[in-house]
Amino acid sequence: MKWAVGRRWAWAALLLAAAAVLAQVVWLWLGLDHELAFSRLIVELRRLHPGHVLPDEELQWVFVNAGGWMGAMCLLHASWSEYVLLFGTALGSSGHSGRYWAEISDTIISGTFHQWREGTTKSEVFYPGETVMHGPGEATAVEWGPNTWMVEYGRGVIPSTLAFALADTVFSTQDFLTLFYTLRAYARGLRLELTTYLFGQDP
């Protein structure tokens, strides 16, 4: 019985938001300071999906070191099958995208996103308002200019993405406080989804 409930919960969280819907929402605030755009996006996502976005007191910007690049993320929503987060870098960075059992999209709010796909000899550059897609099993080289900020949506086997996201933190920077912050954010997202599934939007 418990296993059946857990299985239903995992699938109930599926497809909270499609990449296209997020992109449309982001278009409303293009040209604004990225922090103001993020604030309005959070309010809108809570309106559209009550009970699925972490409360303000649990939102935290956390460094991410992976694939040779460094950025920061703020997790808004997470389940076994999808996530929504804010991501970017104030300084600019580049490296390997990683390969995932998940589809990931990034809609740019400010700055530039360069992507060099495996098997090609030319890179593409994306600007505010555009969405960059990363399919399951794909690998690319990525480069972000200074003050590049975006909204990221992932759908698939989300725990499988953590190994790449945390590898540099464990084996290179050895910043175990950041490791704790990252795992805590994901645990909070899972807890919120379970609470909302079992008790509704206002437990």
N, C-alpha and C. Protein backbone atom coordinates (compact mmCIF):
# COMPACT_ATOMS: atom_id res chain seq x y z
N MET A 1 0.83 -1.20 0.00
CA MET A 1 0.00 0.00 0.00
C MET A 1 0.87 1.26 0.00
N LYS A 2 1.90 1.29 0.88
CA LYS A 2 2.78 2.46 0.94
C LYS A 2 3.50 2.66 -0.38
N TRP A 3 3.92 1.54 -1.00
CA TRP A 3 4.62 1.65 -2.28
C TRP A 3 3.71 2.24 -3.33
N ALA A 4 2.43 1.83 -3.33
CA ALA A 4 1.47 2.35 -4.31
C ALA A 4 1.26 3.85 -4.13
N VAL A 5 1.17 4.29 -2.87
CA VAL A 5 1.00 5.71 -2.61
C VAL A 5 2.22 6.48 -3.10
N GLY A 6 3.41 5.96 -2.83
CA GLY A 6 4.63 6.62 -3.27
C GLY A 6 4.70 6.71 -4.78
N ARG A 7 4.28 5.66 -5.47
CA ARG A 7 4.31 5.67 -6.93
C ARG A 7 3.35 6.72 -7.47
N ARG A 8 2.15 6.81 -6.91
CA ARG A 8 1.19 7.81 -7.36
C ARG A 8 1.70 9.21 -7.10
N TRP A 9 2.36 9.41 -5.95
CA TRP A 9 2.90 10.73 -5.62
C TRP A 9 3.94 11.15 -6.64
N ALA A 10 4.83 10.24 -7.01
CA ALA A 10 5.88 10.58 -7.97
C ALA A 10 5.28 11.01 -9.30
N TRP A 11 4.26 10.30 -9.76
CA TRP A 11 3.66 10.66 -11.05
C TRP A 11 2.75 11.87 -10.95
N ALA A 12 2.19 12.11 -9.76
CA ALA A 12 1.32 13.28 -9.59
C ALA A 12 2.11 14.57 -9.76
N ALA A 13 3.40 14.53 -9.44
CA ALA A 13 4.24 15.72 -9.55
C ALA A 13 4.71 15.97 -10.97
N LEU A 14 4.50 14.99 -11.86
CA LEU A 14 5.01 15.08 -13.22
C LEU A 14 4.34 16.23 -13.98
N LEU A 15 5.12 16.93 -14.76
CA LEU A 15 4.63 17.99 -15.64
C LEU A 15 3.98 19.13 -14.88
N LEU A 16 4.61 19.57 -13.82
CA LEU A 16 4.12 20.76 -13.12
C LEU A 16 4.07 21.94 -14.07
N ALA A 17 5.11 22.09 -14.84
CA ALA A 17 5.16 23.21 -15.78
C ALA A 17 5.93 22.77 -17.01
N ALA A 18 5.43 23.09 -18.17
CA ALA A 18 6.15 22.77 -19.40
C ALA A 18 7.13 23.89 -19.71
N ALA A 19 8.19 23.53 -20.43
CA ALA A 19 9.21 24.51 -20.77
C ALA A 19 8.61 25.69 -21.53
N ALA A 20 7.67 25.41 -22.43
CA ALA A 20 7.07 26.48 -23.23
C ALA A 20 6.30 27.46 -22.35
N VAL A 21 5.62 26.94 -21.33
CA VAL A 21 4.85 27.81 -20.43
C VAL A 21 5.79 28.71 -19.64
N LEU A 22 6.88 28.14 -19.13
CA LEU A 22 7.85 28.94 -18.40
C LEU A 22 8.43 30.04 -19.29
N ALA A 23 8.72 29.68 -20.53
CA ALA A 23 9.29 30.66 -21.46
C ALA A 23 8.32 31.82 -21.68
N GLN A 24 7.03 31.51 -21.80
CA GLN A 24 6.03 32.55 -22.00
C GLN A 24 5.95 33.48 -20.79
N VAL A 25 6.05 32.89 -19.60
CA VAL A 25 6.00 33.70 -18.38
C VAL A 25 7.21 34.62 -18.30
N VAL A 26 8.38 34.09 -18.62
CA VAL A 26 9.61 34.88 -18.57
C VAL A 26 9.53 36.09 -19.50
N TRP A 27 8.88 35.93 -20.65
CA TRP A 27 8.76 37.03 -21.61
C TRP A 27 8.09 38.26 -21.01
N LEU A 28 7.26 38.06 -19.98
CA LEU A 28 6.55 39.18 -19.38
C LEU A 28 7.50 40.19 -18.74
N TRP A 29 8.68 39.72 -18.33
CA TRP A 29 9.57 40.59 -17.55
C TRP A 29 10.94 40.76 -18.18
N LEU A 30 11.05 40.50 -19.46
CA LEU A 30 12.31 40.75 -20.14
C LEU A 30 12.66 42.24 -20.06
N GLY A 31 13.91 42.54 -19.84
CA GLY A 31 14.36 43.92 -19.74
C GLY A 31 14.42 44.43 -18.32
N LEU A 32 13.77 43.71 -17.38
CA LEU A 32 13.85 44.09 -15.98
C LEU A 32 15.17 43.60 -15.38
N ASP A 33 15.58 44.21 -14.28
CA ASP A 33 16.68 43.67 -13.51
C ASP A 33 16.38 42.21 -13.17
N HIS A 34 17.39 41.34 -13.24
CA HIS A 34 17.11 39.91 -13.09
C HIS A 34 16.53 39.57 -11.72
N GLU A 35 16.93 40.29 -10.68
CA GLU A 35 16.39 39.99 -9.35
C GLU A 35 14.90 40.33 -9.28
N LEU A 36 14.51 41.44 -9.89
CA LEU A 36 13.09 41.80 -9.93
C LEU A 36 12.31 40.80 -10.78
N ALA A 37 12.88 40.39 -11.91
CA ALA A 37 12.22 39.39 -12.76
C ALA A 37 12.05 38.08 -12.01
N PHE A 38 13.07 37.66 -11.27
CA PHE A 38 12.97 36.43 -10.48
C PHE A 38 11.86 36.53 -9.45
N SER A 39 11.78 37.67 -8.76
CA SER A 39 10.76 37.84 -7.73
C SER A 39 9.36 37.73 -8.32
N ARG A 40 9.14 38.34 -9.46
CA ARG A 40 7.81 38.28 -10.09
C ARG A 40 7.51 36.89 -10.62
N LEU A 41 8.55 36.20 -11.11
CA LEU A 41 8.35 34.83 -11.57
C LEU A 41 7.92 33.92 -10.43
N ILE A 42 8.54 34.07 -9.28
CA ILE A 42 8.19 33.24 -8.13
C ILE A 42 6.73 33.46 -7.74
N VAL A 43 6.32 34.72 -7.70
CA VAL A 43 4.92 35.03 -7.36
C VAL A 43 3.97 34.38 -8.37
N GLU A 44 4.31 34.47 -9.65
CA GLU A 44 3.44 33.90 -10.69
C GLU A 44 3.39 32.38 -10.61
N LEU A 45 4.52 31.74 -10.35
CA LEU A 45 4.52 30.28 -10.25
C LEU A 45 3.72 29.81 -9.05
N ARG A 46 3.78 30.55 -7.95
CA ARG A 46 2.97 30.18 -6.79
C ARG A 46 1.48 30.34 -7.09
N ARG A 47 1.14 31.34 -7.89
CA ARG A 47 -0.26 31.52 -8.26
C ARG A 47 -0.74 30.39 -9.16
N LEU A 48 0.11 30.00 -10.12
CA LEU A 48 -0.26 28.95 -11.06
C LEU A 48 -0.23 27.56 -10.44
N HIS A 49 0.70 27.35 -9.49
CA HIS A 49 0.91 26.01 -8.93
C HIS A 49 1.01 26.09 -7.40
N PRO A 50 -0.09 26.44 -6.73
CA PRO A 50 -0.03 26.56 -5.26
C PRO A 50 0.35 25.22 -4.62
N GLY A 51 1.21 25.30 -3.61
CA GLY A 51 1.63 24.11 -2.91
C GLY A 51 2.80 23.39 -3.54
N HIS A 52 3.38 23.97 -4.61
CA HIS A 52 4.48 23.30 -5.30
C HIS A 52 5.76 24.13 -5.38
N VAL A 53 5.75 25.34 -4.85
CA VAL A 53 6.93 26.20 -4.87
C VAL A 53 7.36 26.46 -3.43
N LEU A 54 8.63 26.28 -3.15
CA LEU A 54 9.13 26.45 -1.79
C LEU A 54 8.82 27.84 -1.25
N PRO A 55 8.54 27.96 0.06
CA PRO A 55 8.28 29.27 0.65
C PRO A 55 9.55 30.12 0.69
N ASP A 56 9.37 31.42 0.85
CA ASP A 56 10.50 32.35 0.82
C ASP A 56 11.59 31.97 1.81
N GLU A 57 11.19 31.54 3.01
CA GLU A 57 12.19 31.24 4.03
C GLU A 57 13.04 30.01 3.71
N GLU A 58 12.64 29.24 2.70
CA GLU A 58 13.42 28.06 2.30
C GLU A 58 14.11 28.25 0.95
N LEU A 59 14.00 29.43 0.37
CA LEU A 59 14.71 29.73 -0.87
C LEU A 59 16.13 30.18 -0.53
N GLN A 60 17.11 29.63 -1.22
CA GLN A 60 18.50 29.94 -0.92
C GLN A 60 19.35 29.84 -2.18
N TRP A 61 20.16 30.85 -2.42
CA TRP A 61 21.13 30.78 -3.51
C TRP A 61 22.32 29.96 -3.07
N VAL A 62 22.66 28.94 -3.87
CA VAL A 62 23.72 28.00 -3.53
C VAL A 62 24.69 27.90 -4.71
N PHE A 63 25.99 27.92 -4.42
CA PHE A 63 26.98 27.72 -5.48
C PHE A 63 26.85 26.33 -6.08
N VAL A 64 27.14 26.23 -7.39
CA VAL A 64 27.19 24.95 -8.09
C VAL A 64 28.52 24.88 -8.83
N ASN A 65 29.30 23.84 -8.56
CA ASN A 65 30.54 23.58 -9.30
C ASN A 65 30.38 22.24 -10.00
N ALA A 66 30.40 22.24 -11.33
CA ALA A 66 30.19 21.00 -12.08
C ALA A 66 30.77 21.15 -13.48
N GLY A 67 31.39 20.09 -13.97
CA GLY A 67 31.89 20.11 -15.34
C GLY A 67 32.92 21.19 -15.62
N GLY A 68 33.58 21.70 -14.59
CA GLY A 68 34.57 22.75 -14.77
C GLY A 68 34.03 24.16 -14.66
N TRP A 69 32.71 24.32 -14.62
CA TRP A 69 32.14 25.67 -14.52
C TRP A 69 31.63 25.93 -13.10
N MET A 70 31.36 27.18 -12.82
CA MET A 70 30.82 27.58 -11.52
C MET A 70 29.68 28.55 -11.72
N GLY A 71 28.58 28.29 -11.04
CA GLY A 71 27.42 29.16 -11.08
C GLY A 71 26.72 29.13 -9.74
N ALA A 72 25.50 29.61 -9.72
CA ALA A 72 24.69 29.58 -8.51
C ALA A 72 23.26 29.26 -8.90
N MET A 73 22.58 28.55 -8.01
CA MET A 73 21.19 28.17 -8.28
C MET A 73 20.34 28.41 -7.05
N CYS A 74 19.05 28.65 -7.32
CA CYS A 74 18.05 28.77 -6.27
C CYS A 74 16.89 27.86 -6.64
N LEU A 75 16.72 26.77 -5.91
CA LEU A 75 15.70 25.77 -6.23
C LEU A 75 14.32 26.26 -5.81
N LEU A 76 13.37 26.21 -6.74
CA LEU A 76 11.99 26.62 -6.47
C LEU A 76 11.07 25.43 -6.27
N HIS A 77 11.27 24.39 -7.06
CA HIS A 77 10.39 23.21 -7.04
C HIS A 77 11.22 21.99 -7.38
N ALA A 78 10.94 20.87 -6.70
CA ALA A 78 11.65 19.63 -7.03
C ALA A 78 10.79 18.43 -6.66
N SER A 79 10.84 17.42 -7.50
CA SER A 79 10.21 16.13 -7.23
C SER A 79 11.14 15.07 -7.80
N TRP A 80 10.68 13.82 -7.82
CA TRP A 80 11.48 12.76 -8.43
C TRP A 80 11.56 12.94 -9.95
N SER A 81 10.59 13.63 -10.53
CA SER A 81 10.46 13.65 -11.99
C SER A 81 10.69 15.00 -12.63
N GLU A 82 10.84 16.07 -11.85
CA GLU A 82 11.06 17.38 -12.44
C GLU A 82 11.58 18.38 -11.41
N TYR A 83 12.08 19.49 -11.93
CA TYR A 83 12.49 20.59 -11.04
C TYR A 83 12.39 21.91 -11.79
N VAL A 84 12.29 22.98 -11.03
CA VAL A 84 12.36 24.35 -11.55
C VAL A 84 13.33 25.10 -10.65
N LEU A 85 14.30 25.77 -11.25
CA LEU A 85 15.24 26.55 -10.46
C LEU A 85 15.69 27.79 -11.21
N LEU A 86 16.22 28.74 -10.47
CA LEU A 86 16.86 29.92 -11.03
C LEU A 86 18.35 29.64 -11.07
N PHE A 87 19.01 30.06 -12.14
CA PHE A 87 20.43 29.72 -12.29
C PHE A 87 21.15 30.86 -12.99
N GLY A 88 22.44 30.98 -12.70
CA GLY A 88 23.23 31.97 -13.42
C GLY A 88 24.59 32.17 -12.82
N THR A 89 25.29 33.16 -13.35
CA THR A 89 26.63 33.51 -12.88
C THR A 89 26.83 35.01 -12.98
N ALA A 90 27.45 35.58 -11.97
CA ALA A 90 27.75 37.01 -12.00
C ALA A 90 29.05 37.30 -12.75
N LEU A 91 29.92 36.29 -12.87
CA LEU A 91 31.26 36.50 -13.43
C LEU A 91 31.45 35.92 -14.82
N GLY A 92 30.64 34.95 -15.21
CA GLY A 92 30.86 34.21 -16.44
C GLY A 92 31.60 32.93 -16.14
N SER A 93 31.31 31.87 -16.91
CA SER A 93 31.97 30.59 -16.69
C SER A 93 31.73 29.69 -17.89
N SER A 94 32.52 28.60 -17.99
CA SER A 94 32.35 27.67 -19.10
C SER A 94 32.79 26.28 -18.68
N GLY A 95 32.31 25.27 -19.42
CA GLY A 95 32.68 23.89 -19.12
C GLY A 95 31.78 22.90 -19.82
N HIS A 96 31.69 21.70 -19.26
CA HIS A 96 30.92 20.58 -19.81
C HIS A 96 29.51 20.60 -19.25
N SER A 97 28.53 20.34 -20.10
CA SER A 97 27.13 20.38 -19.67
C SER A 97 26.74 19.21 -18.79
N GLY A 98 27.42 18.06 -18.98
CA GLY A 98 26.97 16.82 -18.35
C GLY A 98 25.99 16.09 -19.25
N ARG A 99 25.83 14.80 -18.99
CA ARG A 99 24.80 13.99 -19.67
C ARG A 99 23.81 13.53 -18.61
N TYR A 100 22.52 13.57 -18.97
CA TYR A 100 21.50 13.26 -17.97
C TYR A 100 20.42 12.34 -18.53
N TRP A 101 19.75 11.67 -17.62
CA TRP A 101 18.52 10.97 -17.97
C TRP A 101 17.37 11.95 -17.76
N ALA A 102 17.48 13.08 -18.36
CA ALA A 102 16.48 14.13 -18.19
C ALA A 102 16.59 15.12 -19.34
N GLU A 103 15.49 15.80 -19.61
CA GLU A 103 15.45 16.89 -20.58
C GLU A 103 15.48 18.20 -19.81
N ILE A 104 16.36 19.10 -20.21
CA ILE A 104 16.55 20.34 -19.48
C ILE A 104 16.41 21.52 -20.44
N SER A 105 15.70 22.54 -20.00
CA SER A 105 15.57 23.77 -20.79
C SER A 105 15.96 24.96 -19.93
N ASP A 106 16.62 25.93 -20.54
CA ASP A 106 17.01 27.16 -19.87
C ASP A 106 16.48 28.34 -20.66
N THR A 107 15.62 29.14 -20.04
CA THR A 107 15.12 30.35 -20.66
C THR A 107 15.87 31.55 -20.08
N ILE A 108 16.52 32.30 -20.94
CA ILE A 108 17.46 33.33 -20.51
C ILE A 108 16.72 34.63 -20.17
N ILE A 109 17.07 35.19 -19.03
CA ILE A 109 16.52 36.47 -18.60
C ILE A 109 17.49 37.61 -18.90
N SER A 110 18.78 37.36 -18.71
CA SER A 110 19.79 38.37 -19.02
C SER A 110 21.09 37.69 -19.40
N GLY A 111 21.94 38.39 -20.16
CA GLY A 111 23.24 37.85 -20.52
C GLY A 111 23.21 37.01 -21.79
N THR A 112 24.24 36.16 -21.94
CA THR A 112 24.37 35.31 -23.13
C THR A 112 24.72 33.89 -22.74
N PHE A 113 24.25 32.95 -23.54
CA PHE A 113 24.47 31.52 -23.33
C PHE A 113 25.03 30.96 -24.63
N HIS A 114 26.28 30.51 -24.60
CA HIS A 114 26.91 29.87 -25.76
C HIS A 114 26.84 28.35 -25.59
N GLN A 115 26.43 27.66 -26.64
CA GLN A 115 26.32 26.20 -26.58
C GLN A 115 27.01 25.59 -27.81
N TRP A 116 27.91 24.65 -27.56
CA TRP A 116 28.62 23.93 -28.62
C TRP A 116 28.23 22.46 -28.52
N ARG A 117 27.43 22.00 -29.47
CA ARG A 117 26.89 20.65 -29.42
C ARG A 117 27.92 19.62 -29.87
N GLU A 118 27.87 18.47 -29.22
CA GLU A 118 28.74 17.36 -29.59
C GLU A 118 28.51 16.97 -31.05
N GLY A 119 29.62 16.74 -31.79
CA GLY A 119 29.52 16.33 -33.18
C GLY A 119 29.46 17.48 -34.16
N THR A 120 29.54 18.71 -33.67
CA THR A 120 29.52 19.88 -34.56
C THR A 120 30.82 20.67 -34.41
N THR A 121 31.03 21.60 -35.32
CA THR A 121 32.24 22.43 -35.28
C THR A 121 31.94 23.90 -35.08
N LYS A 122 30.67 24.23 -34.83
CA LYS A 122 30.28 25.61 -34.59
C LYS A 122 29.41 25.70 -33.35
N SER A 123 29.52 26.81 -32.66
CA SER A 123 28.69 27.03 -31.48
C SER A 123 27.51 27.93 -31.82
N GLU A 124 26.51 27.92 -30.95
CA GLU A 124 25.36 28.81 -31.08
C GLU A 124 25.35 29.75 -29.88
N VAL A 125 24.81 30.93 -30.07
CA VAL A 125 24.68 31.87 -28.97
C VAL A 125 23.21 32.23 -28.80
N PHE A 126 22.77 32.26 -27.55
CA PHE A 126 21.37 32.53 -27.21
C PHE A 126 21.30 33.78 -26.34
N TYR A 127 20.20 34.53 -26.52
CA TYR A 127 20.05 35.82 -25.87
C TYR A 127 18.77 35.85 -25.03
N PRO A 128 18.57 36.92 -24.23
CA PRO A 128 17.38 37.01 -23.38
C PRO A 128 16.08 36.75 -24.15
N GLY A 129 15.23 35.94 -23.55
CA GLY A 129 13.97 35.55 -24.16
C GLY A 129 14.03 34.24 -24.91
N GLU A 130 15.24 33.77 -25.23
CA GLU A 130 15.39 32.51 -25.96
C GLU A 130 15.55 31.35 -24.98
N THR A 131 15.17 30.16 -25.45
CA THR A 131 15.24 28.95 -24.62
C THR A 131 16.25 27.98 -25.22
N VAL A 132 17.15 27.49 -24.39
CA VAL A 132 18.18 26.54 -24.78
C VAL A 132 17.74 25.15 -24.32
N MET A 133 17.69 24.19 -25.25
CA MET A 133 17.25 22.84 -24.93
C MET A 133 18.45 21.90 -24.82
N HIS A 134 18.35 20.98 -23.87
CA HIS A 134 19.38 19.95 -23.66
C HIS A 134 18.66 18.63 -23.49
N GLY A 135 18.74 17.76 -24.50
CA GLY A 135 17.99 16.51 -24.49
C GLY A 135 18.64 15.43 -23.65
N PRO A 136 17.88 14.39 -23.30
CA PRO A 136 18.43 13.27 -22.53
C PRO A 136 19.60 12.63 -23.26
N GLY A 137 20.69 12.38 -22.55
CA GLY A 137 21.85 11.73 -23.13
C GLY A 137 22.75 12.63 -23.95
N GLU A 138 22.38 13.88 -24.14
CA GLU A 138 23.19 14.80 -24.93
C GLU A 138 24.31 15.41 -24.09
N ALA A 139 25.38 15.83 -24.77
CA ALA A 139 26.48 16.53 -24.11
C ALA A 139 26.86 17.74 -24.95
N THR A 140 27.12 18.85 -24.30
CA THR A 140 27.54 20.06 -24.99
C THR A 140 28.61 20.77 -24.17
N ALA A 141 29.32 21.66 -24.82
CA ALA A 141 30.14 22.64 -24.10
C ALA A 141 29.27 23.88 -23.90
N VAL A 142 29.36 24.47 -22.72
CA VAL A 142 28.54 25.64 -22.41
C VAL A 142 29.43 26.78 -21.93
N GLU A 143 29.00 27.99 -22.25
CA GLU A 143 29.69 29.18 -21.76
C GLU A 143 28.66 30.27 -21.52
N TRP A 144 28.74 30.88 -20.35
CA TRP A 144 27.84 31.98 -20.00
C TRP A 144 28.65 33.24 -19.81
N GLY A 145 28.17 34.35 -20.36
CA GLY A 145 28.83 35.62 -20.15
C GLY A 145 28.56 36.14 -18.75
N PRO A 146 29.28 37.19 -18.32
CA PRO A 146 29.03 37.78 -17.01
C PRO A 146 27.57 38.24 -16.89
N ASN A 147 27.03 38.09 -15.68
CA ASN A 147 25.66 38.50 -15.39
C ASN A 147 24.65 37.83 -16.31
N THR A 148 24.82 36.54 -16.50
CA THR A 148 23.85 35.74 -17.24
C THR A 148 22.97 35.00 -16.24
N TRP A 149 21.66 35.18 -16.38
CA TRP A 149 20.70 34.58 -15.44
C TRP A 149 19.56 33.98 -16.22
N MET A 150 19.01 32.89 -15.71
CA MET A 150 18.00 32.14 -16.46
C MET A 150 17.10 31.35 -15.52
N VAL A 151 16.02 30.85 -16.10
CA VAL A 151 15.12 29.93 -15.40
C VAL A 151 15.31 28.56 -16.03
N GLU A 152 15.55 27.56 -15.20
CA GLU A 152 15.82 26.21 -15.70
C GLU A 152 14.71 25.25 -15.29
N TYR A 153 14.29 24.44 -16.26
CA TYR A 153 13.26 23.42 -16.01
C TYR A 153 13.80 22.07 -16.45
N GLY A 154 13.77 21.09 -15.56
CA GLY A 154 14.23 19.74 -15.87
C GLY A 154 13.12 18.73 -15.68
N ARG A 155 13.07 17.75 -16.60
CA ARG A 155 12.03 16.71 -16.53
C ARG A 155 12.66 15.38 -16.88
N GLY A 156 12.50 14.39 -16.01
CA GLY A 156 13.07 13.08 -16.24
C GLY A 156 13.40 12.41 -14.92
N VAL A 157 14.50 11.67 -14.88
CA VAL A 157 14.94 11.01 -13.65
C VAL A 157 15.85 12.00 -12.92
N ILE A 158 15.26 12.83 -12.10
CA ILE A 158 15.98 13.96 -11.52
C ILE A 158 17.11 13.53 -10.57
N PRO A 159 16.94 12.50 -9.73
CA PRO A 159 18.08 12.11 -8.89
C PRO A 159 19.33 11.76 -9.68
N SER A 160 19.16 11.33 -10.94
CA SER A 160 20.33 10.98 -11.75
C SER A 160 21.18 12.19 -12.10
N THR A 161 20.63 13.39 -11.99
CA THR A 161 21.40 14.59 -12.31
C THR A 161 22.30 15.03 -11.16
N LEU A 162 22.04 14.51 -9.97
CA LEU A 162 22.77 14.99 -8.80
C LEU A 162 24.24 14.56 -8.81
N ALA A 163 24.53 13.37 -9.38
CA ALA A 163 25.92 12.89 -9.39
C ALA A 163 26.82 13.89 -10.11
N PHE A 164 26.39 14.36 -11.28
CA PHE A 164 27.18 15.36 -12.01
C PHE A 164 27.21 16.68 -11.26
N ALA A 165 26.05 17.10 -10.77
CA ALA A 165 25.95 18.41 -10.12
C ALA A 165 26.81 18.51 -8.87
N LEU A 166 27.08 17.37 -8.23
CA LEU A 166 27.80 17.40 -6.96
C LEU A 166 29.23 16.88 -7.05
N ALA A 167 29.62 16.32 -8.20
CA ALA A 167 30.93 15.67 -8.31
C ALA A 167 32.08 16.63 -8.02
N ASP A 168 32.08 17.81 -8.65
CA ASP A 168 33.17 18.77 -8.42
C ASP A 168 33.18 19.26 -6.98
N THR A 169 32.00 19.38 -6.39
CA THR A 169 31.93 19.82 -4.99
C THR A 169 32.58 18.80 -4.07
N VAL A 170 32.37 17.51 -4.36
CA VAL A 170 32.92 16.46 -3.51
C VAL A 170 34.41 16.25 -3.76
N PHE A 171 34.80 16.16 -5.03
CA PHE A 171 36.16 15.73 -5.36
C PHE A 171 37.13 16.87 -5.70
N SER A 172 36.63 18.07 -5.90
CA SER A 172 37.51 19.18 -6.26
C SER A 172 37.49 20.28 -5.20
N THR A 173 36.39 21.01 -5.09
CA THR A 173 36.36 22.11 -4.13
C THR A 173 36.28 21.62 -2.69
N GLN A 174 35.72 20.44 -2.49
CA GLN A 174 35.51 19.87 -1.15
C GLN A 174 34.77 20.87 -0.25
N ASP A 175 33.83 21.56 -0.86
CA ASP A 175 32.99 22.52 -0.13
C ASP A 175 31.77 21.76 0.39
N PHE A 176 31.94 21.12 1.52
CA PHE A 176 30.89 20.23 2.01
C PHE A 176 29.70 20.99 2.58
N LEU A 177 29.89 22.26 2.92
CA LEU A 177 28.75 23.06 3.34
C LEU A 177 27.82 23.29 2.15
N THR A 178 28.39 23.58 0.98
CA THR A 178 27.57 23.71 -0.23
C THR A 178 26.89 22.39 -0.57
N LEU A 179 27.58 21.27 -0.39
CA LEU A 179 26.98 19.96 -0.59
C LEU A 179 25.75 19.80 0.30
N PHE A 180 25.88 20.18 1.56
CA PHE A 180 24.75 20.10 2.49
C PHE A 180 23.61 20.99 2.04
N TYR A 181 23.92 22.23 1.65
CA TYR A 181 22.87 23.16 1.21
C TYR A 181 22.11 22.60 0.01
N THR A 182 22.84 21.99 -0.92
CA THR A 182 22.22 21.45 -2.14
C THR A 182 21.28 20.30 -1.81
N LEU A 183 21.76 19.36 -1.02
CA LEU A 183 20.94 18.21 -0.66
C LEU A 183 19.75 18.64 0.19
N ARG A 184 19.95 19.62 1.05
CA ARG A 184 18.84 20.11 1.87
C ARG A 184 17.76 20.75 1.01
N ALA A 185 18.17 21.51 0.01
CA ALA A 185 17.19 22.14 -0.88
C ALA A 185 16.36 21.09 -1.60
N TYR A 186 17.02 20.04 -2.10
CA TYR A 186 16.27 18.99 -2.81
C TYR A 186 15.36 18.25 -1.85
N ALA A 187 15.83 17.97 -0.63
CA ALA A 187 15.00 17.30 0.36
C ALA A 187 13.77 18.15 0.71
N ARG A 188 13.96 19.46 0.79
CA ARG A 188 12.83 20.34 1.07
C ARG A 188 11.80 20.29 -0.05
N GLY A 189 12.29 20.25 -1.29
CA GLY A 189 11.37 20.15 -2.42
C GLY A 189 10.57 18.87 -2.39
N LEU A 190 11.23 17.75 -2.11
CA LEU A 190 10.53 16.46 -2.02
C LEU A 190 9.52 16.47 -0.88
N ARG A 191 9.91 17.04 0.25
CA ARG A 191 9.01 17.10 1.39
C ARG A 191 7.76 17.91 1.06
N LEU A 192 7.95 19.04 0.39
CA LEU A 192 6.80 19.87 0.02
C LEU A 192 5.86 19.12 -0.92
N GLU A 193 6.42 18.40 -1.90
CA GLU A 193 5.58 17.64 -2.82
C GLU A 193 4.80 16.56 -2.10
N LEU A 194 5.45 15.86 -1.18
CA LEU A 194 4.76 14.80 -0.44
C LEU A 194 3.67 15.38 0.44
N THR A 195 3.97 16.49 1.12
CA THR A 195 2.98 17.13 1.98
C THR A 195 1.78 17.61 1.18
N THR A 196 2.03 18.24 0.04
CA THR A 196 0.93 18.72 -0.80
C THR A 196 0.11 17.57 -1.34
N TYR A 197 0.78 16.47 -1.72
CA TYR A 197 0.06 15.31 -2.25
C TYR A 197 -0.84 14.69 -1.18
N LEU A 198 -0.33 14.58 0.04
CA LEU A 198 -1.08 13.89 1.09
C LEU A 198 -2.16 14.77 1.72
N PHE A 199 -1.87 16.07 1.86
CA PHE A 199 -2.76 16.92 2.65
C PHE A 199 -3.37 18.07 1.87
N GLY A 200 -2.99 18.25 0.61
CA GLY A 200 -3.52 19.36 -0.16
C GLY A 200 -2.60 20.56 -0.10
N GLN A 201 -3.07 21.67 -0.62
CA GLN A 201 -2.24 22.86 -0.78
C GLN A 201 -1.93 23.55 0.54
N ASP A 202 -2.81 23.43 1.52
CA ASP A 202 -2.62 24.10 2.80
C ASP A 202 -2.70 23.09 3.93
N PRO A 203 -1.60 22.31 4.17
CA PRO A 203 -1.62 21.28 5.18
C PRO A 203 -1.81 21.86 6.57
